[in-house]
Amino acid sequence: MFRQEAARQSPLGERLRGYFDKGDLVPDDLVLELLRDRIVTAARESGGYVLDGFPRTLPQAEAAAEIGRETGTSAQAVLYLDAPLDVLIARLAGRGENRADDSEDVVRHRLEVYAEYTKPLLDYYTGRGIIVNVDASLPVDDVSREIFRALDGLNKESPGGHPPLA
């Protein structure tokens, strides 16, 4: 969504581009401005949704939980793609998409930002019992299979009294 907004070259898109080109997190208020209506609509019209790259901070997670309370939904699973630093750097810097945020320096900065702001979410979601660890050091196709296997397992188990994943 952020890249689509930036591609439109809207004023909001230009603000967003400044953050992700440097590898910085987009401020919580901008993230929530972009996501809130989409999340509420998906919850009401489809009964659920999948988020990729959100939340990235504890305030975003708390805001997402509040949106969940308002819409009668809640997170059923949080996938944690776990890989060593060298694997992450190689994959992010080697995507070949010629994005400004794919340089090794920006990737290293993004990983530092992740360690400071996003990694604390592991404790938050572990405390809620919804973390699903996936070994992301495997080849990409294997990681994809592990993700689908984990989600399929949740769908069958339907933990915490939640309805099965759609």
Protein backbone atom coordinates (compact mmCIF):
# COMPACT_ATOMS: atom_id res chain seq x y z
CA MET A 1 0.00 0.00 0.00
CA PHE A 2 2.80 2.38 0.85
CA ARG A 3 4.56 1.79 -2.45
CA GLN A 4 1.29 2.20 -4.36
CA GLU A 5 0.67 5.50 -2.61
CA ALA A 6 4.23 6.63 -3.35
CA ALA A 7 3.86 5.60 -7.01
CA ARG A 8 0.80 7.84 -7.28
CA GLN A 9 3.13 10.67 -6.24
CA SER A 10 0.51 12.06 -3.89
CA PRO A 11 1.66 14.36 -1.07
CA LEU A 12 1.17 11.45 1.35
CA GLY A 13 3.08 9.16 -1.01
CA GLU A 14 6.03 11.54 -1.10
CA ARG A 15 6.09 11.66 2.71
CA LEU A 16 6.03 7.86 2.83
CA ARG A 17 8.82 7.51 0.25
CA GLY A 18 11.11 9.65 2.39
CA TYR A 19 10.81 7.15 5.23
CA PHE A 20 11.15 3.87 3.41
CA ASP A 21 13.89 5.02 1.05
CA LYS A 22 16.02 5.62 4.16
CA GLY A 23 14.92 2.40 5.83
CA ASP A 24 13.11 4.24 8.63
CA LEU A 25 9.75 3.21 10.01
CA VAL A 26 6.78 5.20 8.83
CA PRO A 27 5.35 7.04 11.86
CA ASP A 28 2.47 5.27 13.59
CA ASP A 29 -0.08 7.98 12.78
CA LEU A 30 0.59 7.72 9.03
CA VAL A 31 0.48 3.93 9.10
CA LEU A 32 -2.82 3.92 10.96
CA GLU A 33 -4.23 6.60 8.63
CA LEU A 34 -3.57 4.31 5.66
CA LEU A 35 -4.70 1.05 7.26
CA ARG A 36 -7.58 1.74 9.62
CA ASP A 37 -10.41 2.02 7.08
CA ARG A 38 -9.12 -0.94 5.07
CA ILE A 39 -8.91 -3.12 8.18
CA VAL A 40 -12.40 -2.17 9.37
CA THR A 41 -13.85 -2.77 5.90
CA ALA A 42 -12.13 -6.16 5.55
CA ALA A 43 -13.29 -7.25 9.00
CA ARG A 44 -16.89 -6.26 8.32
CA GLU A 45 -17.18 -7.39 4.71
CA SER A 46 -14.90 -10.43 4.62
CA GLY A 47 -14.74 -11.56 8.21
CA GLY A 48 -10.98 -11.18 8.40
CA TYR A 49 -7.76 -10.11 6.77
CA VAL A 50 -4.05 -10.81 6.50
CA LEU A 51 -1.56 -8.07 7.29
CA ASP A 52 2.01 -8.12 6.00
CA GLY A 53 4.48 -5.82 7.72
CA PHE A 54 1.97 -4.46 10.23
CA PRO A 55 2.18 -3.80 13.09
CA ARG A 56 5.80 -2.79 13.39
CA THR A 57 5.68 -1.03 16.74
CA LEU A 58 3.98 -1.68 20.07
CA PRO A 59 1.66 1.36 19.66
CA GLN A 60 0.59 -0.01 16.26
CA ALA A 61 -0.08 -3.42 17.85
CA GLU A 62 -2.15 -1.79 20.56
CA ALA A 63 -4.08 0.22 17.95
CA ALA A 64 -4.67 -2.98 15.95
CA ALA A 65 -6.01 -4.67 19.09
CA GLU A 66 -8.37 -1.73 19.63
CA ILE A 67 -9.58 -1.97 16.03
CA GLY A 68 -10.10 -5.68 16.65
CA ARG A 69 -12.23 -4.95 19.69
CA GLU A 70 -14.29 -2.44 17.68
CA THR A 71 -14.87 -4.91 14.84
CA GLY A 72 -15.22 -8.09 16.89
CA THR A 73 -12.07 -9.62 15.41
CA SER A 74 -8.68 -10.50 16.81
CA ALA A 75 -5.31 -11.70 15.62
CA GLN A 76 -5.28 -15.47 15.31
CA ALA A 77 -1.62 -15.82 14.39
CA VAL A 78 1.52 -13.77 14.01
CA LEU A 79 4.12 -15.32 11.73
CA TYR A 80 7.69 -14.72 12.82
CA LEU A 81 10.04 -15.38 9.94
CA ASP A 82 13.28 -16.07 11.77
CA ALA A 83 16.60 -15.96 9.93
CA PRO A 84 20.20 -15.08 10.76
CA LEU A 85 21.38 -11.55 10.05
CA ASP A 86 23.60 -12.57 7.12
CA VAL A 87 20.66 -14.31 5.39
CA LEU A 88 18.43 -11.27 5.88
CA ILE A 89 21.03 -8.87 4.50
CA ALA A 90 21.70 -11.07 1.47
CA ARG A 91 18.01 -11.46 0.66
CA LEU A 92 17.02 -7.85 1.19
CA ALA A 93 20.03 -6.32 -0.53
CA GLY A 94 19.86 -8.89 -3.34
CA ARG A 95 16.22 -8.51 -4.40
CA GLY A 96 17.28 -6.91 -7.67
CA GLU A 97 14.37 -4.49 -7.66
CA ASN A 98 16.66 -1.43 -7.80
CA ARG A 99 14.83 0.14 -4.89
CA ALA A 100 16.61 2.81 -2.90
CA ASP A 101 15.96 0.81 0.27
CA ASP A 102 17.73 -2.30 -1.09
CA SER A 103 21.29 -1.02 -0.63
CA GLU A 104 23.27 -2.89 2.00
CA ASP A 105 23.66 0.26 4.15
CA VAL A 106 19.91 0.90 4.14
CA VAL A 107 19.19 -2.79 4.78
CA ARG A 108 21.53 -2.77 7.79
CA HIS A 109 19.80 0.38 9.07
CA ARG A 110 16.38 -1.22 8.58
CA LEU A 111 17.50 -4.22 10.62
CA GLU A 112 18.73 -1.92 13.40
CA VAL A 113 15.35 -0.15 13.37
CA TYR A 114 13.67 -3.56 13.46
CA ALA A 115 15.69 -4.61 16.52
CA GLU A 116 14.73 -1.44 18.37
CA TYR A 117 11.05 -1.04 17.44
CA THR A 118 9.66 -4.26 16.00
CA LYS A 119 11.41 -7.12 17.77
CA PRO A 120 9.73 -6.16 21.11
CA LEU A 121 6.46 -7.25 19.50
CA LEU A 122 7.64 -10.85 19.82
CA ASP A 123 7.11 -10.64 23.59
CA TYR A 124 3.75 -8.94 23.13
CA TYR A 125 2.40 -11.61 20.79
CA THR A 126 4.14 -14.49 22.59
CA GLY A 127 2.26 -13.35 25.69
CA ARG A 128 -0.96 -13.65 23.74
CA GLY A 129 0.04 -17.16 22.60
CA ILE A 130 -0.25 -16.47 18.88
CA ILE A 131 3.37 -16.45 17.64
CA VAL A 132 4.12 -19.00 14.92
CA ASN A 133 7.86 -19.36 14.28
CA VAL A 134 9.01 -20.18 10.76
CA ASP A 135 12.63 -20.90 9.87
CA ALA A 136 13.20 -18.29 7.17
CA SER A 137 16.80 -19.32 6.53
CA LEU A 138 15.52 -22.13 4.30
CA PRO A 139 15.18 -21.65 0.54
CA VAL A 140 12.28 -19.34 -0.32
CA ASP A 141 10.04 -22.13 -1.66
CA ASP A 142 10.55 -24.12 1.55
CA VAL A 143 9.73 -21.06 3.67
CA SER A 144 6.51 -20.60 1.69
CA ARG A 145 5.56 -24.24 2.27
CA GLU A 146 6.26 -23.88 6.01
CA ILE A 147 4.08 -20.76 6.20
CA PHE A 148 1.15 -22.50 4.50
CA ARG A 149 1.66 -25.60 6.65
CA ALA A 150 1.59 -23.49 9.81
CA LEU A 151 -1.51 -21.59 8.74
CA ASP A 152 -3.24 -24.79 7.67
CA GLY A 153 -2.49 -26.23 11.10
CA LEU A 154 -4.06 -23.20 12.76
CA ASN A 155 -7.10 -23.49 10.54
CA LYS A 156 -7.61 -27.07 11.72
CA GLU A 157 -6.90 -26.34 15.38
CA SER A 158 -8.82 -23.07 15.60
CA PRO A 159 -6.95 -22.03 18.80
CA GLY A 160 -8.37 -19.80 21.46
CA GLY A 161 -11.96 -20.29 20.39
CA HIS A 162 -11.45 -18.24 17.25
CA PRO A 163 -13.24 -19.29 14.10
CA PRO A 164 -11.05 -21.11 11.59
CA LEU A 165 -9.00 -18.98 9.24
CA ALA A 166 -10.87 -18.24 6.02
